[in-house]
PDB file of N, CA and C in Angstrom:
ATOM      1  N   ALA A   1      35.491  -4.095  10.844  1.00  0.00           N
ATOM      2  CA  ALA A   1      34.369  -3.292  11.296  1.00  0.00           C
ATOM      3  C   ALA A   1      33.066  -3.969  10.881  1.00  0.00           C
ATOM      4  N   GLU A   2      32.147  -4.011  11.817  1.00  0.00           N
ATOM      5  CA  GLU A   2      30.853  -4.633  11.546  1.00  0.00           C
ATOM      6  C   GLU A   2      29.987  -3.678  10.737  1.00  0.00           C
ATOM      7  N   ARG A   3      29.355  -4.235   9.719  1.00  0.00           N
ATOM      8  CA  ARG A   3      28.485  -3.443   8.860  1.00  0.00           C
ATOM      9  C   ARG A   3      27.133  -3.235   9.523  1.00  0.00           C
ATOM     10  N   GLY A   4      26.553  -2.047   9.379  1.00  0.00           N
ATOM     11  CA  GLY A   4      25.230  -1.771   9.919  1.00  0.00           C
ATOM     12  C   GLY A   4      24.149  -2.483   9.117  1.00  0.00           C
ATOM     13  N   ILE A   5      22.945  -2.452   9.639  1.00  0.00           N
ATOM     14  CA  ILE A   5      21.808  -3.070   8.957  1.00  0.00           C
ATOM     15  C   ILE A   5      21.350  -2.153   7.831  1.00  0.00           C
ATOM     16  N   ASP A   6      21.216  -2.704   6.648  1.00  0.00           N
ATOM     17  CA  ASP A   6      20.699  -1.977   5.496  1.00  0.00           C
ATOM     18  C   ASP A   6      19.269  -2.460   5.257  1.00  0.00           C
ATOM     19  N   LEU A   7      18.291  -1.619   5.601  1.00  0.00           N
ATOM     20  CA  LEU A   7      16.891  -2.022   5.443  1.00  0.00           C
ATOM     21  C   LEU A   7      16.533  -2.317   3.992  1.00  0.00           C
ATOM     22  N   ASN A   8      17.221  -1.672   3.051  1.00  0.00           N
ATOM     23  CA  ASN A   8      16.965  -1.977   1.641  1.00  0.00           C
ATOM     24  C   ASN A   8      17.238  -3.445   1.340  1.00  0.00           C
ATOM     25  N   GLU A   9      18.297  -3.994   1.924  1.00  0.00           N
ATOM     26  CA  GLU A   9      18.631  -5.404   1.689  1.00  0.00           C
ATOM     27  C   GLU A   9      17.579  -6.343   2.271  1.00  0.00           C
ATOM     28  N   HIS A  10      16.957  -5.947   3.364  1.00  0.00           N
ATOM     29  CA  HIS A  10      16.018  -6.820   4.061  1.00  0.00           C
ATOM     30  C   HIS A  10      14.567  -6.652   3.615  1.00  0.00           C
ATOM     31  N   LEU A  11      14.206  -5.458   3.147  1.00  0.00           N
ATOM     32  CA  LEU A  11      12.794  -5.169   2.893  1.00  0.00           C
ATOM     33  C   LEU A  11      12.433  -4.948   1.429  1.00  0.00           C
ATOM     34  N   ILE A  12      13.433  -4.769   0.572  1.00  0.00           N
ATOM     35  CA  ILE A  12      13.141  -4.459  -0.829  1.00  0.00           C
ATOM     36  C   ILE A  12      13.667  -5.574  -1.718  1.00  0.00           C
ATOM     37  N   MET A  13      12.744  -6.224  -2.439  1.00  0.00           N
ATOM     38  CA  MET A  13      13.118  -7.342  -3.306  1.00  0.00           C
ATOM     39  C   MET A  13      13.574  -6.869  -4.681  1.00  0.00           C
ATOM     40  N   ASN A  14      12.992  -5.770  -5.168  1.00  0.00           N
ATOM     41  CA  ASN A  14      13.278  -5.292  -6.521  1.00  0.00           C
ATOM     42  C   ASN A  14      13.400  -3.767  -6.473  1.00  0.00           C
ATOM     43  N   LYS A  15      14.614  -3.272  -6.254  1.00  0.00           N
ATOM     44  CA  LYS A  15      14.819  -1.827  -6.061  1.00  0.00           C
ATOM     45  C   LYS A  15      14.256  -0.959  -7.183  1.00  0.00           C
ATOM     46  N   PRO A  16      14.522  -1.282  -8.455  1.00  0.00           N
ATOM     47  CA  PRO A  16      14.009  -0.399  -9.513  1.00  0.00           C
ATOM     48  C   PRO A  16      12.483  -0.316  -9.564  1.00  0.00           C
ATOM     49  N   ALA A  17      11.798  -1.330  -9.057  1.00  0.00           N
ATOM     50  CA  ALA A  17      10.332  -1.369  -9.135  1.00  0.00           C
ATOM     51  C   ALA A  17       9.666  -0.955  -7.833  1.00  0.00           C
ATOM     52  N   THR A  18      10.434  -0.453  -6.873  1.00  0.00           N
ATOM     53  CA  THR A  18       9.899  -0.183  -5.537  1.00  0.00           C
ATOM     54  C   THR A  18       9.815   1.308  -5.257  1.00  0.00           C
ATOM     55  N   PHE A  19       8.714   1.706  -4.608  1.00  0.00           N
ATOM     56  CA  PHE A  19       8.585   3.083  -4.141  1.00  0.00           C
ATOM     57  C   PHE A  19       7.971   3.079  -2.750  1.00  0.00           C
ATOM     58  N   PHE A  20       8.082   4.219  -2.076  1.00  0.00           N
ATOM     59  CA  PHE A  20       7.522   4.400  -0.742  1.00  0.00           C
ATOM     60  C   PHE A  20       6.286   5.271  -0.854  1.00  0.00           C
ATOM     61  N   PHE A  21       5.310   5.010   0.005  1.00  0.00           N
ATOM     62  CA  PHE A  21       4.032   5.725  -0.060  1.00  0.00           C
ATOM     63  C   PHE A  21       3.576   6.051   1.352  1.00  0.00           C
ATOM     64  N   ARG A  22       3.322   7.332   1.641  1.00  0.00           N
ATOM     65  CA  ARG A  22       2.853   7.761   2.959  1.00  0.00           C
ATOM     66  C   ARG A  22       1.335   7.698   2.990  1.00  0.00           C
ATOM     67  N   VAL A  23       0.771   7.059   4.011  1.00  0.00           N
ATOM     68  CA  VAL A  23      -0.676   6.881   4.163  1.00  0.00           C
ATOM     69  C   VAL A  23      -1.266   8.126   4.826  1.00  0.00           C
ATOM     70  N   ASN A  24      -2.397   8.610   4.305  1.00  0.00           N
ATOM     71  CA  ASN A  24      -2.991   9.836   4.855  1.00  0.00           C
ATOM     72  C   ASN A  24      -4.345   9.622   5.529  1.00  0.00           C
ATOM     73  N   ASN A  25      -4.741   8.347   5.752  1.00  0.00           N
ATOM     74  CA  ASN A  25      -6.005   8.094   6.453  1.00  0.00           C
ATOM     75  C   ASN A  25      -5.958   6.718   7.116  1.00  0.00           C
ATOM     76  N   ASN A  26      -7.029   6.372   7.812  1.00  0.00           N
ATOM     77  CA  ASN A  26      -7.101   5.090   8.523  1.00  0.00           C
ATOM     78  C   ASN A  26      -8.061   4.097   7.863  1.00  0.00           C
ATOM     79  N   THR A  27      -8.344   4.279   6.579  1.00  0.00           N
ATOM     80  CA  THR A  27      -9.303   3.433   5.885  1.00  0.00           C
ATOM     81  C   THR A  27      -8.969   1.946   5.993  1.00  0.00           C
ATOM     82  N   MET A  28      -7.686   1.606   5.938  1.00  0.00           N
ATOM     83  CA  MET A  28      -7.271   0.197   5.971  1.00  0.00           C
ATOM     84  C   MET A  28      -6.706  -0.199   7.334  1.00  0.00           C
ATOM     85  N   ALA A  29      -7.203   0.426   8.403  1.00  0.00           N
ATOM     86  CA  ALA A  29      -6.707   0.133   9.758  1.00  0.00           C
ATOM     87  C   ALA A  29      -6.880  -1.337  10.126  1.00  0.00           C
ATOM     88  N   ALA A  30      -7.945  -1.971   9.655  1.00  0.00           N
ATOM     89  CA  ALA A  30      -8.166  -3.389   9.976  1.00  0.00           C
ATOM     90  C   ALA A  30      -7.078  -4.282   9.378  1.00  0.00           C
ATOM     91  N   ALA A  31      -6.370  -3.779   8.373  1.00  0.00           N
ATOM     92  CA  ALA A  31      -5.255  -4.520   7.769  1.00  0.00           C
ATOM     93  C   ALA A  31      -3.927  -4.122   8.405  1.00  0.00           C
ATOM     94  N   GLY A  32      -3.985  -3.253   9.428  1.00  0.00           N
ATOM     95  CA  GLY A  32      -2.764  -2.806  10.088  1.00  0.00           C
ATOM     96  C   GLY A  32      -2.117  -1.611   9.426  1.00  0.00           C
ATOM     97  N   ILE A  33      -2.838  -0.948   8.523  1.00  0.00           N
ATOM     98  CA  ILE A  33      -2.314   0.224   7.820  1.00  0.00           C
ATOM     99  C   ILE A  33      -2.999   1.460   8.387  1.00  0.00           C
ATOM    100  N   HIS A  34      -2.199   2.364   8.953  1.00  0.00           N
ATOM    101  CA  HIS A  34      -2.737   3.534   9.647  1.00  0.00           C
ATOM    102  C   HIS A  34      -2.160   4.824   9.073  1.00  0.00           C
ATOM    103  N   LYS A  35      -2.842   5.919   9.379  1.00  0.00           N
ATOM    104  CA  LYS A  35      -2.387   7.239   8.962  1.00  0.00           C
ATOM    105  C   LYS A  35      -0.938   7.438   9.402  1.00  0.00           C
ATOM    106  N   ASN A  36      -0.146   8.010   8.524  1.00  0.00           N
ATOM    107  CA  ASN A  36       1.280   8.308   8.702  1.00  0.00           C
ATOM    108  C   ASN A  36       2.192   7.099   8.549  1.00  0.00           C
ATOM    109  N   ASN A  37       1.646   5.891   8.370  1.00  0.00           N
ATOM    110  CA  ASN A  37       2.514   4.755   8.047  1.00  0.00           C
ATOM    111  C   ASN A  37       3.174   5.020   6.695  1.00  0.00           C
ATOM    112  N   VAL A  38       4.315   4.409   6.493  1.00  0.00           N
ATOM    113  CA  VAL A  38       4.970   4.432   5.191  1.00  0.00           C
ATOM    114  C   VAL A  38       4.884   3.014   4.632  1.00  0.00           C
ATOM    115  N   LEU A  39       4.360   2.911   3.424  1.00  0.00           N
ATOM    116  CA  LEU A  39       4.239   1.610   2.773  1.00  0.00           C
ATOM    117  C   LEU A  39       5.384   1.425   1.791  1.00  0.00           C
ATOM    118  N   ILE A  40       5.915   0.215   1.742  1.00  0.00           N
ATOM    119  CA  ILE A  40       6.845  -0.147   0.683  1.00  0.00           C
ATOM    120  C   ILE A  40       6.004  -0.863  -0.362  1.00  0.00           C
ATOM    121  N   VAL A  41       6.051  -0.348  -1.593  1.00  0.00           N
ATOM    122  CA  VAL A  41       5.182  -0.834  -2.664  1.00  0.00           C
ATOM    123  C   VAL A  41       6.046  -1.310  -3.829  1.00  0.00           C
ATOM    124  N   ASP A  42       5.768  -2.517  -4.306  1.00  0.00           N
ATOM    125  CA  ASP A  42       6.544  -3.126  -5.388  1.00  0.00           C
ATOM    126  C   ASP A  42       5.681  -3.220  -6.642  1.00  0.00           C
ATOM    127  N   ARG A  43       6.112  -2.526  -7.702  1.00  0.00           N
ATOM    128  CA  ARG A  43       5.365  -2.523  -8.967  1.00  0.00           C
ATOM    129  C   ARG A  43       5.547  -3.817  -9.762  1.00  0.00           C
ATOM    130  N   SER A  44       6.542  -4.632  -9.405  1.00  0.00           N
ATOM    131  CA  SER A  44       6.819  -5.834 -10.205  1.00  0.00           C
ATOM    132  C   SER A  44       5.979  -7.041  -9.789  1.00  0.00           C
ATOM    133  N   ILE A  45       5.275  -6.948  -8.668  1.00  0.00           N
ATOM    134  CA  ILE A  45       4.434  -8.055  -8.207  1.00  0.00           C
ATOM    135  C   ILE A  45       3.038  -7.898  -8.805  1.00  0.00           C
ATOM    136  N   ARG A  46       2.523  -8.964  -9.359  1.00  0.00           N
ATOM    137  CA  ARG A  46       1.195  -8.908  -9.985  1.00  0.00           C
ATOM    138  C   ARG A  46       0.094  -8.951  -8.929  1.00  0.00           C
ATOM    139  N   PRO A  47      -0.978  -8.192  -9.144  1.00  0.00           N
ATOM    140  CA  PRO A  47      -2.114  -8.254  -8.220  1.00  0.00           C
ATOM    141  C   PRO A  47      -2.696  -9.666  -8.191  1.00  0.00           C
ATOM    142  N   ALA A  48      -3.015 -10.139  -7.009  1.00  0.00           N
ATOM    143  CA  ALA A  48      -3.599 -11.471  -6.843  1.00  0.00           C
ATOM    144  C   ALA A  48      -4.543 -11.431  -5.653  1.00  0.00           C
ATOM    145  N   ASP A  49      -5.389 -12.431  -5.573  1.00  0.00           N
ATOM    146  CA  ASP A  49      -6.369 -12.508  -4.495  1.00  0.00           C
ATOM    147  C   ASP A  49      -5.683 -12.390  -3.132  1.00  0.00           C
ATOM    148  N   GLY A  50      -6.172 -11.465  -2.320  1.00  0.00           N
ATOM    149  CA  GLY A  50      -5.649 -11.282  -0.972  1.00  0.00           C
ATOM    150  C   GLY A  50      -4.540 -10.257  -0.844  1.00  0.00           C
ATOM    151  N   LYS A  51      -3.935  -9.841  -1.957  1.00  0.00           N
ATOM    152  CA  LYS A  51      -2.861  -8.846  -1.906  1.00  0.00           C
ATOM    153  C   LYS A  51      -3.445  -7.467  -1.623  1.00  0.00           C
ATOM    154  N   ILE A  52      -2.638  -6.607  -1.006  1.00  0.00           N
ATOM    155  CA  ILE A  52      -3.034  -5.213  -0.787  1.00  0.00           C
ATOM    156  C   ILE A  52      -2.347  -4.372  -1.855  1.00  0.00           C
ATOM    157  N   VAL A  53      -3.133  -3.526  -2.522  1.00  0.00           N
ATOM    158  CA  VAL A  53      -2.615  -2.722  -3.626  1.00  0.00           C
ATOM    159  C   VAL A  53      -2.759  -1.232  -3.351  1.00  0.00           C
ATOM    160  N   VAL A  54      -1.884  -0.473  -3.996  1.00  0.00           N
ATOM    161  CA  VAL A  54      -2.074   0.967  -4.141  1.00  0.00           C
ATOM    162  C   VAL A  54      -2.553   1.134  -5.573  1.00  0.00           C
ATOM    163  N   ALA A  55      -3.723   1.758  -5.742  1.00  0.00           N
ATOM    164  CA  ALA A  55      -4.327   1.857  -7.067  1.00  0.00           C
ATOM    165  C   ALA A  55      -5.087   3.165  -7.209  1.00  0.00           C
ATOM    166  N   THR A  56      -5.375   3.523  -8.440  1.00  0.00           N
ATOM    167  CA  THR A  56      -6.302   4.617  -8.706  1.00  0.00           C
ATOM    168  C   THR A  56      -7.502   4.028  -9.434  1.00  0.00           C
ATOM    169  N   ILE A  57      -8.681   4.479  -9.025  1.00  0.00           N
ATOM    170  CA  ILE A  57      -9.922   4.131  -9.712  1.00  0.00           C
ATOM    171  C   ILE A  57     -10.594   5.442 -10.068  1.00  0.00           C
ATOM    172  N   ASP A  58     -10.763   5.653 -11.361  1.00  0.00           N
ATOM    173  CA  ASP A  58     -11.354   6.903 -11.854  1.00  0.00           C
ATOM    174  C   ASP A  58     -10.672   8.119 -11.229  1.00  0.00           C
ATOM    175  N   GLY A  59      -9.342   8.056 -11.106  1.00  0.00           N
ATOM    176  CA  GLY A  59      -8.557   9.179 -10.605  1.00  0.00           C
ATOM    177  C   GLY A  59      -8.401   9.256  -9.099  1.00  0.00           C
ATOM    178  N   GLU A  60      -9.114   8.417  -8.342  1.00  0.00           N
ATOM    179  CA  GLU A  60      -9.023   8.438  -6.878  1.00  0.00           C
ATOM    180  C   GLU A  60      -7.960   7.452  -6.411  1.00  0.00           C
ATOM    181  N   LEU A  61      -6.994   7.942  -5.634  1.00  0.00           N
ATOM    182  CA  LEU A  61      -5.917   7.106  -5.118  1.00  0.00           C
ATOM    183  C   LEU A  61      -6.401   6.336  -3.900  1.00  0.00           C
ATOM    184  N   LEU A  62      -6.235   4.996  -3.918  1.00  0.00           N
ATOM    185  CA  LEU A  62      -6.772   4.131  -2.872  1.00  0.00           C
ATOM    186  C   LEU A  62      -5.765   3.068  -2.457  1.00  0.00           C
ATOM    187  N   ILE A  63      -5.902   2.607  -1.219  1.00  0.00           N
ATOM    188  CA  ILE A  63      -5.217   1.402  -0.748  1.00  0.00           C
ATOM    189  C   ILE A  63      -6.331   0.406  -0.456  1.00  0.00           C
ATOM    190  N   ARG A  64      -6.293  -0.753  -1.120  1.00  0.00           N
ATOM    191  CA  ARG A  64      -7.370  -1.729  -0.970  1.00  0.00           C
ATOM    192  C   ARG A  64      -6.816  -3.150  -1.070  1.00  0.00           C
ATOM    193  N   ARG A  65      -7.612  -4.112  -0.596  1.00  0.00           N
ATOM    194  CA  ARG A  65      -7.271  -5.525  -0.746  1.00  0.00           C
ATOM    195  C   ARG A  65      -7.967  -6.059  -1.997  1.00  0.00           C
ATOM    196  N   VAL A  66      -7.246  -6.872  -2.754  1.00  0.00           N
ATOM    197  CA  VAL A  66      -7.774  -7.476  -3.977  1.00  0.00           C
ATOM    198  C   VAL A  66      -8.589  -8.715  -3.624  1.00  0.00           C
ATOM    199  N   LEU A  67      -9.764  -8.812  -4.215  1.00  0.00           N
ATOM    200  CA  LEU A  67     -10.584 -10.023  -4.145  1.00  0.00           C
ATOM    201  C   LEU A  67     -10.865 -10.462  -5.574  1.00  0.00           C
ATOM    202  N   LEU A  68     -10.624 -11.716  -5.863  1.00  0.00           N
ATOM    203  CA  LEU A  68     -10.986 -12.269  -7.164  1.00  0.00           C
ATOM    204  C   LEU A  68     -12.108 -13.263  -6.941  1.00  0.00           C
ATOM    205  N   ARG A  69     -13.267 -12.968  -7.500  1.00  0.00           N
ATOM    206  CA  ARG A  69     -14.442 -13.820  -7.349  1.00  0.00           C
ATOM    207  C   ARG A  69     -15.064 -14.050  -8.718  1.00  0.00           C
ATOM    208  N   ASN A  70     -15.161 -15.314  -9.115  1.00  0.00           N
ATOM    209  CA  ASN A  70     -15.743 -15.660 -10.419  1.00  0.00           C
ATOM    210  C   ASN A  70     -15.076 -14.878 -11.551  1.00  0.00           C
ATOM    211  N   SER A  71     -13.748 -14.825 -11.525  1.00  0.00           N
ATOM    212  CA  SER A  71     -12.937 -14.124 -12.533  1.00  0.00           C
ATOM    213  C   SER A  71     -13.168 -12.621 -12.555  1.00  0.00           C
ATOM    214  N   LYS A  72     -13.798 -12.078 -11.529  1.00  0.00           N
ATOM    215  CA  LYS A  72     -14.015 -10.630 -11.439  1.00  0.00           C
ATOM    216  C   LYS A  72     -13.054 -10.050 -10.412  1.00  0.00           C
ATOM    217  N   LEU A  73     -12.451  -8.917 -10.768  1.00  0.00           N
ATOM    218  CA  LEU A  73     -11.574  -8.201  -9.852  1.00  0.00           C
ATOM    219  C   LEU A  73     -12.411  -7.276  -8.986  1.00  0.00           C
ATOM    220  N   MET A  74     -12.230  -7.396  -7.672  1.00  0.00           N
ATOM    221  CA  MET A  74     -12.901  -6.501  -6.736  1.00  0.00           C
ATOM    222  C   MET A  74     -11.857  -5.968  -5.773  1.00  0.00           C
ATOM    223  N   LEU A  75     -12.094  -4.767  -5.287  1.00  0.00           N
ATOM    224  CA  LEU A  75     -11.231  -4.166  -4.282  1.00  0.00           C
ATOM    225  C   LEU A  75     -12.065  -3.919  -3.040  1.00  0.00           C
ATOM    226  N   THR A  76     -11.487  -4.149  -1.862  1.00  0.00           N
ATOM    227  CA  THR A  76     -12.254  -4.033  -0.626  1.00  0.00           C
ATOM    228  C   THR A  76     -11.427  -3.392   0.477  1.00  0.00           C
ATOM    229  N   ILE A  77     -12.131  -2.852   1.456  1.00  0.00           N
ATOM    230  CA  ILE A  77     -11.522  -2.328   2.672  1.00  0.00           C
ATOM    231  C   ILE A  77     -11.617  -3.436   3.713  1.00  0.00           C
ATOM    232  N   ASP A  78     -10.496  -3.800   4.330  1.00  0.00           N
ATOM    233  CA  ASP A  78     -10.528  -4.838   5.367  1.00  0.00           C
ATOM    234  C   ASP A  78     -11.450  -4.421   6.505  1.00  0.00           C
ATOM    235  N   GLY A  79     -12.222  -5.377   7.004  1.00  0.00           N
ATOM    236  CA  GLY A  79     -13.094  -5.119   8.138  1.00  0.00           C
ATOM    237  C   GLY A  79     -14.419  -4.479   7.776  1.00  0.00           C
ATOM    238  N   ASP A  80     -14.667  -4.259   6.479  1.00  0.00           N
ATOM    239  CA  ASP A  80     -15.914  -3.637   6.036  1.00  0.00           C
ATOM    240  C   ASP A  80     -16.517  -4.498   4.929  1.00  0.00           C
ATOM    241  N   ALA A  81     -17.389  -5.411   5.318  1.00  0.00           N
ATOM    242  CA  ALA A  81     -17.968  -6.369   4.368  1.00  0.00           C
ATOM    243  C   ALA A  81     -18.752  -5.686   3.254  1.00  0.00           C
ATOM    244  N   GLN A  82     -19.198  -4.461   3.486  1.00  0.00           N
ATOM    245  CA  GLN A  82     -19.995  -3.750   2.483  1.00  0.00           C
ATOM    246  C   GLN A  82     -19.147  -2.887   1.552  1.00  0.00           C
ATOM    247  N   SER A  83     -17.825  -2.909   1.722  1.00  0.00           N
ATOM    248  CA  SER A  83     -16.984  -1.944   1.013  1.00  0.00           C
ATOM    249  C   SER A  83     -16.501  -2.403  -0.353  1.00  0.00           C
ATOM    250  N   TRP A  84     -16.716  -3.658  -0.706  1.00  0.00           N
ATOM    251  CA  TRP A  84     -16.127  -4.139  -1.949  1.00  0.00           C
ATOM    252  C   TRP A  84     -16.670  -3.392  -3.153  1.00  0.00           C
ATOM    253  N   VAL A  85     -15.797  -3.200  -4.109  1.00  0.00           N
ATOM    254  CA  VAL A  85     -16.145  -2.523  -5.350  1.00  0.00           C
ATOM    255  C   VAL A  85     -15.740  -3.440  -6.493  1.00  0.00           C
ATOM    256  N   ALA A  86     -16.707  -3.855  -7.293  1.00  0.00           N
ATOM    257  CA  ALA A  86     -16.402  -4.649  -8.481  1.00  0.00           C
ATOM    258  C   ALA A  86     -15.931  -3.692  -9.567  1.00  0.00           C
ATOM    259  N   ILE A  87     -14.829  -4.028 -10.194  1.00  0.00           N
ATOM    260  CA  ILE A  87     -14.280  -3.174 -11.238  1.00  0.00           C
ATOM    261  C   ILE A  87     -14.926  -3.572 -12.562  1.00  0.00           C
ATOM    262  N   ASN A  88     -15.487  -2.584 -13.250  1.00  0.00           N
ATOM    263  CA  ASN A  88     -16.118  -2.880 -14.537  1.00  0.00           C
ATOM    264  C   ASN A  88     -15.307  -2.266 -15.671  1.00  0.00           C
ATOM    265  N   GLU A  89     -15.690  -2.597 -16.895  1.00  0.00           N
ATOM    266  CA  GLU A  89     -14.917  -2.165 -18.063  1.00  0.00           C
ATOM    267  C   GLU A  89     -14.993  -0.664 -18.310  1.00  0.00           C
ATOM    268  N   PHE A  90     -15.897   0.031 -17.630  1.00  0.00           N
ATOM    269  CA  PHE A  90     -16.042   1.465 -17.836  1.00  0.00           C
ATOM    270  C   PHE A  90     -15.167   2.282 -16.889  1.00  0.00           C
ATOM    271  N   GLN A  91     -14.594   1.633 -15.904  1.00  0.00           N
ATOM    272  CA  GLN A  91     -13.776   2.347 -14.930  1.00  0.00           C
ATOM    273  C   GLN A  91     -12.313   2.354 -15.355  1.00  0.00           C
ATOM    274  N   GLN A  92     -11.670   3.464 -15.048  1.00  0.00           N
ATOM    275  CA  GLN A  92     -10.239   3.587 -15.284  1.00  0.00           C
ATOM    276  C   GLN A  92      -9.520   3.150 -14.015  1.00  0.00           C
ATOM    277  N   ILE A  93      -8.857   2.000 -14.055  1.00  0.00           N
ATOM    278  CA  ILE A  93      -8.121   1.518 -12.891  1.00  0.00           C
ATOM    279  C   ILE A  93      -6.652   1.344 -13.259  1.00  0.00           C
ATOM    280  N   THR A  94      -5.803   1.822 -12.377  1.00  0.00           N
ATOM    281  CA  THR A  94      -4.364   1.631 -12.515  1.00  0.00           C
ATOM    282  C   THR A  94      -3.842   1.109 -11.191  1.00  0.00           C
ATOM    283  N   VAL A  95      -3.263  -0.073 -11.210  1.00  0.00           N
ATOM    284  CA  VAL A  95      -2.626  -0.609 -10.008  1.00  0.00           C
ATOM    285  C   VAL A  95      -1.181  -0.134 -10.023  1.00  0.00           C
ATOM    286  N   TRP A  96      -0.809   0.645  -9.017  1.00  0.00           N
ATOM    287  CA  TRP A  96       0.555   1.171  -8.924  1.00  0.00           C
ATOM    288  C   TRP A  96       1.510   0.121  -8.407  1.00  0.00           C
ATOM    289  N   GLY A  97       1.016  -0.774  -7.554  1.00  0.00           N
ATOM    290  CA  GLY A  97       1.880  -1.815  -7.021  1.00  0.00           C
ATOM    291  C   GLY A  97       1.259  -2.518  -5.834  1.00  0.00           C
ATOM    292  N   ILE A  98       1.985  -3.514  -5.341  1.00  0.00           N
ATOM    293  CA  ILE A  98       1.555  -4.335  -4.214  1.00  0.00           C
ATOM    294  C   ILE A  98       2.289  -3.881  -2.959  1.00  0.00           C
ATOM    295  N   VAL A  99       1.549  -3.727  -1.867  1.00  0.00           N
ATOM    296  CA  VAL A  99       2.158  -3.362  -0.587  1.00  0.00           C
ATOM    297  C   VAL A  99       2.911  -4.579  -0.058  1.00  0.00           C
ATOM    298  N   THR A 100       4.216  -4.404   0.185  1.00  0.00           N
ATOM    299  CA  THR A 100       5.037  -5.504   0.697  1.00  0.00           C
ATOM    300  C   THR A 100       5.435  -5.303   2.149  1.00  0.00           C
ATOM    301  N   CYS A 101       5.367  -4.060   2.636  1.00  0.00           N
ATOM    302  CA  CYS A 101       5.815  -3.788   4.000  1.00  0.00           C
ATOM    303  C   CYS A 101       5.134  -2.521   4.513  1.00  0.00           C
ATOM    304  N   ILE A 102       4.858  -2.501   5.804  1.00  0.00           N
ATOM    305  CA  ILE A 102       4.269  -1.339   6.472  1.00  0.00           C
ATOM    306  C   ILE A 102       5.264  -0.854   7.519  1.00  0.00           C
ATOM    307  N   ILE A 103       5.649   0.415   7.428  1.00  0.00           N
ATOM    308  CA  ILE A 103       6.551   1.008   8.413  1.00  0.00           C
ATOM    309  C   ILE A 103       5.722   1.917   9.305  1.00  0.00           C
ATOM    310  N   ASN A 104       5.733   1.622  10.591  1.00  0.00           N
ATOM    311  CA  ASN A 104       4.958   2.385  11.566  1.00  0.00           C
ATOM    312  C   ASN A 104       5.924   3.170  12.454  1.00  0.00           C
ATOM    313  N   MET A 105       5.948   4.485  12.276  1.00  0.00           N
ATOM    314  CA  MET A 105       6.831   5.332  13.075  1.00  0.00           C
ATOM    315  C   MET A 105       6.161   5.628  14.413  1.00  0.00           C
ATOM    316  N   VAL A 106       6.779   5.235  15.506  1.00  0.00           N
ATOM    317  CA  VAL A 106       6.177   5.415  16.829  1.00  0.00           C
ATOM    318  C   VAL A 106       6.825   6.543  17.627  1.00  0.00           C
ATOM    319  N   GLU A 107       8.011   6.964  17.259  1.00  0.00           N
ATOM    320  CA  GLU A 107       8.696   8.050  17.964  1.00  0.00           C
ATOM    321  C   GLU A 107       8.185   9.386  17.425  1.00  0.00           C
ATOM    322  N   PRO A 108       7.556  10.222  18.275  1.00  0.00           N
ATOM    323  CA  PRO A 108       7.012  11.499  17.809  1.00  0.00           C
ATOM    324  C   PRO A 108       8.041  12.377  17.096  1.00  0.00           C
ATOM    325  N   ALA A 109       9.274  12.391  17.579  1.00  0.00           N
ATOM    326  CA  ALA A 109      10.301  13.219  16.944  1.00  0.00           C
ATOM    327  C   ALA A 109      10.584  12.739  15.520  1.00  0.00           C
ATOM    328  N   LEU A 110      10.570  11.422  15.304  1.00  0.00           N
ATOM    329  CA  LEU A 110      10.788  10.886  13.961  1.00  0.00           C
ATOM    330  C   LEU A 110       9.631  11.256  13.045  1.00  0.00           C
ATOM    331  N   LEU A 111       8.417  11.200  13.563  1.00  0.00           N
ATOM    332  CA  LEU A 111       7.250  11.568  12.773  1.00  0.00           C
ATOM    333  C   LEU A 111       7.315  13.043  12.376  1.00  0.00           C
ATOM    334  N   GLN A 112       7.703  13.911  13.306  1.00  0.00           N
ATOM    335  CA  GLN A 112       7.857  15.339  12.997  1.00  0.00           C
ATOM    336  C   GLN A 112       8.938  15.539  11.941  1.00  0.00           C
ATOM    337  N   TYR A 113      10.050  14.823  12.096  1.00  0.00           N
ATOM    338  CA  TYR A 113      11.150  14.902  11.138  1.00  0.00           C
ATOM    339  C   TYR A 113      10.678  14.471   9.747  1.00  0.00           C
ATOM    340  N   ALA A 114       9.954  13.361   9.682  1.00  0.00           N
ATOM    341  CA  ALA A 114       9.455  12.847   8.406  1.00  0.00           C
ATOM    342  C   ALA A 114       8.452  13.812   7.778  1.00  0.00           C
ATOM    343  N   ASN A 115       7.581  14.400   8.598  1.00  0.00           N
ATOM    344  CA  ASN A 115       6.604  15.365   8.081  1.00  0.00           C
ATOM    345  C   ASN A 115       7.295  16.603   7.536  1.00  0.00           C
ATOM    346  N   ALA A 116       8.340  17.068   8.216  1.00  0.00           N
ATOM    347  CA  ALA A 116       9.084  18.242   7.750  1.00  0.00           C
ATOM    348  C   ALA A 116       9.781  17.939   6.426  1.00  0.00           C
ATOM    349  N   ALA A 117      10.277  16.728   6.275  1.00  0.00           N
ATOM    350  CA  ALA A 117      10.964  16.341   5.044  1.00  0.00           C
ATOM    351  C   ALA A 117      10.005  16.283   3.859  1.00  0.00           C
ATOM    352  N   MET A 118       8.718  16.065   4.123  1.00  0.00           N
ATOM    353  CA  MET A 118       7.713  15.973   3.059  1.00  0.00           C
ATOM    354  C   MET A 118       7.350  17.347   2.496  1.00  0.00           C
ATOM    355  N   LYS A 119       7.664  18.409   3.230  1.00  0.00           N
ATOM    356  CA  LYS A 119       7.255  19.758   2.798  1.00  0.00           C
ATOM    357  C   LYS A 119       8.244  20.380   1.857  1.00  0.00           C
TER     358      LYS A 119
END
């Protein structure tokens, strides 16, 4: 018997360090991340220039791209040159992980099913 496709084998590099995250806005649409997408996020990958992170800054949960400039960590929204935020020593920042995959549900019935499962 032929084995079915296991998406965990293909999309998840480190199972214990991986979580899924549902996007609730279109802030990072220029990066291909849209409302209702599901992100696969890996906590074991270190933030680096150009990576997309799920992070909290002063308690606000954000999805942003990392920019490293002159040894300074900045977070930015793709497509918005004015959006970068330099992180200073007074801010509380926690990087939850690096976005490794974007799942875009296009079938309305699947989206309804997924939304019902979230409640």
